[in-house]
Amino acid sequence: MSAQSQFHFIRSNVWNILMEGGMLIMSTLFKELKRLKTAATSMSPWKSVGLCWKV
């Protein structure tokens, strides 16, 4: 393999890893947000306001 094709191979691998990592992070964040939203709606409005202030 020439240096150029090797570089291209590494670059595409890094890109794939970044994309997969990004997808994983996004799905995790989405799940957490949904969970927080459910928790917030199940609580009384005052409790969720207090929670926002703590954050």
N, C-alpha and C. Protein backbone atom coordinates (compact mmCIF):
# COMPACT_ATOMS: atom_id res chain seq x y z
N MET A 1 0.83 -1.20 0.00
CA MET A 1 0.00 0.00 0.00
C MET A 1 0.87 1.25 0.00
N SER A 2 0.54 2.17 -0.87
CA SER A 2 1.29 3.44 -0.88
C SER A 2 0.85 4.30 0.31
N ALA A 3 1.65 5.30 0.60
CA ALA A 3 1.37 6.17 1.75
C ALA A 3 0.02 6.87 1.59
N GLN A 4 -0.30 7.23 0.34
CA GLN A 4 -1.54 7.96 0.09
C GLN A 4 -2.78 7.09 0.34
N SER A 5 -2.74 5.85 -0.16
CA SER A 5 -3.88 4.96 0.04
C SER A 5 -4.00 4.57 1.51
N GLN A 6 -2.87 4.46 2.18
CA GLN A 6 -2.86 4.15 3.60
C GLN A 6 -3.52 5.29 4.38
N PHE A 7 -3.18 6.51 4.01
CA PHE A 7 -3.75 7.69 4.65
C PHE A 7 -5.26 7.72 4.44
N HIS A 8 -5.67 7.43 3.20
CA HIS A 8 -7.10 7.43 2.87
C HIS A 8 -7.83 6.36 3.70
N PHE A 9 -7.23 5.20 3.84
CA PHE A 9 -7.80 4.10 4.61
C PHE A 9 -7.98 4.51 6.06
N ILE A 10 -6.94 5.10 6.64
CA ILE A 10 -6.99 5.55 8.03
C ILE A 10 -8.07 6.62 8.19
N ARG A 11 -8.11 7.56 7.25
CA ARG A 11 -9.07 8.66 7.33
C ARG A 11 -10.50 8.14 7.28
N SER A 12 -10.78 7.19 6.39
CA SER A 12 -12.13 6.66 6.30
C SER A 12 -12.49 5.87 7.56
N ASN A 13 -11.52 5.17 8.14
CA ASN A 13 -11.75 4.44 9.38
C ASN A 13 -12.09 5.37 10.52
N VAL A 14 -11.30 6.45 10.64
CA VAL A 14 -11.53 7.45 11.69
C VAL A 14 -12.92 8.04 11.52
N TRP A 15 -13.29 8.36 10.28
CA TRP A 15 -14.60 8.93 9.98
C TRP A 15 -15.70 7.98 10.43
N ASN A 16 -15.55 6.69 10.12
CA ASN A 16 -16.54 5.69 10.51
C ASN A 16 -16.68 5.61 12.03
N ILE A 17 -15.55 5.61 12.71
CA ILE A 17 -15.54 5.55 14.18
C ILE A 17 -16.24 6.78 14.75
N LEU A 18 -15.92 7.96 14.20
CA LEU A 18 -16.54 9.20 14.66
C LEU A 18 -18.05 9.16 14.44
N MET A 19 -18.47 8.69 13.27
CA MET A 19 -19.90 8.63 12.96
C MET A 19 -20.62 7.69 13.92
N GLU A 20 -20.05 6.51 14.14
CA GLU A 20 -20.66 5.54 15.04
C GLU A 20 -20.70 6.07 16.46
N GLY A 21 -19.61 6.69 16.89
CA GLY A 21 -19.55 7.28 18.22
C GLY A 21 -20.59 8.38 18.39
N GLY A 22 -20.71 9.22 17.37
CA GLY A 22 -21.69 10.30 17.39
C GLY A 22 -23.11 9.77 17.49
N MET A 23 -23.40 8.73 16.72
CA MET A 23 -24.73 8.12 16.74
C MET A 23 -25.04 7.57 18.13
N LEU A 24 -24.05 6.91 18.71
CA LEU A 24 -24.20 6.32 20.03
C LEU A 24 -24.48 7.41 21.06
N ILE A 25 -23.71 8.49 21.02
CA ILE A 25 -23.88 9.60 21.95
C ILE A 25 -25.26 10.23 21.77
N MET A 26 -25.66 10.45 20.51
CA MET A 26 -26.95 11.06 20.24
C MET A 26 -28.10 10.21 20.77
N SER A 27 -28.05 8.90 20.52
CA SER A 27 -29.13 8.02 20.98
C SER A 27 -29.18 7.97 22.51
N THR A 28 -28.00 7.98 23.14
CA THR A 28 -27.94 7.99 24.60
C THR A 28 -28.54 9.27 25.15
N LEU A 29 -28.16 10.41 24.57
CA LEU A 29 -28.69 11.70 24.99
C LEU A 29 -30.20 11.74 24.82
N PHE A 30 -30.66 11.22 23.68
CA PHE A 30 -32.09 11.22 23.38
C PHE A 30 -32.86 10.42 24.42
N LYS A 31 -32.32 9.25 24.76
CA LYS A 31 -32.96 8.40 25.79
C LYS A 31 -33.01 9.12 27.12
N GLU A 32 -31.89 9.76 27.49
CA GLU A 32 -31.82 10.49 28.76
C GLU A 32 -32.82 11.63 28.79
N LEU A 33 -32.91 12.37 27.68
CA LEU A 33 -33.85 13.49 27.61
C LEU A 33 -35.29 13.00 27.75
N LYS A 34 -35.60 11.90 27.08
CA LYS A 34 -36.95 11.33 27.17
C LYS A 34 -37.25 10.91 28.60
N ARG A 35 -36.25 10.30 29.25
CA ARG A 35 -36.41 9.85 30.62
C ARG A 35 -36.63 11.05 31.56
N LEU A 36 -35.83 12.10 31.35
CA LEU A 36 -35.97 13.31 32.16
C LEU A 36 -37.32 13.96 31.95
N LYS A 37 -37.77 13.98 30.69
CA LYS A 37 -39.06 14.59 30.36
C LYS A 37 -40.18 13.83 31.06
N THR A 38 -40.11 12.51 31.03
CA THR A 38 -41.12 11.67 31.68
C THR A 38 -41.11 11.92 33.18
N ALA A 39 -39.91 12.00 33.75
CA ALA A 39 -39.78 12.25 35.18
C ALA A 39 -40.33 13.62 35.54
N ALA A 40 -40.06 14.61 34.69
CA ALA A 40 -40.51 15.98 34.95
C ALA A 40 -42.04 16.08 34.87
N THR A 41 -42.64 15.39 33.91
CA THR A 41 -44.09 15.47 33.76
C THR A 41 -44.81 14.70 34.86
N SER A 42 -44.16 13.65 35.38
CA SER A 42 -44.79 12.87 36.45
C SER A 42 -44.73 13.61 37.79
N MET A 43 -43.75 14.52 37.92
CA MET A 43 -43.63 15.30 39.14
C MET A 43 -44.57 16.50 39.09
N SER A 44 -44.73 17.13 40.24
CA SER A 44 -45.52 18.36 40.28
C SER A 44 -44.70 19.48 39.63
N PRO A 45 -45.36 20.50 39.09
CA PRO A 45 -44.64 21.60 38.42
C PRO A 45 -43.59 22.25 39.32
N TRP A 46 -43.91 22.39 40.61
CA TRP A 46 -42.97 23.05 41.52
C TRP A 46 -41.69 22.24 41.70
N LYS A 47 -41.83 20.93 41.75
CA LYS A 47 -40.64 20.08 41.89
C LYS A 47 -39.74 20.19 40.66
N SER A 48 -40.34 20.19 39.48
CA SER A 48 -39.53 20.28 38.26
C SER A 48 -38.87 21.65 38.15
N VAL A 49 -39.55 22.70 38.63
CA VAL A 49 -38.94 24.03 38.65
C VAL A 49 -37.74 24.03 39.59
N GLY A 50 -37.90 23.43 40.75
CA GLY A 50 -36.80 23.31 41.72
C GLY A 50 -35.64 22.54 41.13
N LEU A 51 -35.95 21.50 40.34
CA LEU A 51 -34.93 20.69 39.69
C LEU A 51 -34.15 21.54 38.69
N CYS A 52 -34.84 22.38 37.94
CA CYS A 52 -34.19 23.26 36.96
C CYS A 52 -33.26 24.24 37.67
N TRP A 53 -33.67 24.73 38.82
CA TRP A 53 -32.84 25.69 39.54
C TRP A 53 -31.55 25.05 40.04
N LYS A 54 -31.65 23.79 40.45
CA LYS A 54 -30.46 23.08 40.95
C LYS A 54 -29.43 22.89 39.85
N VAL A 55 -29.91 22.66 38.63
CA VAL A 55 -29.03 22.41 37.49
C VAL A 55 -28.39 23.68 36.99
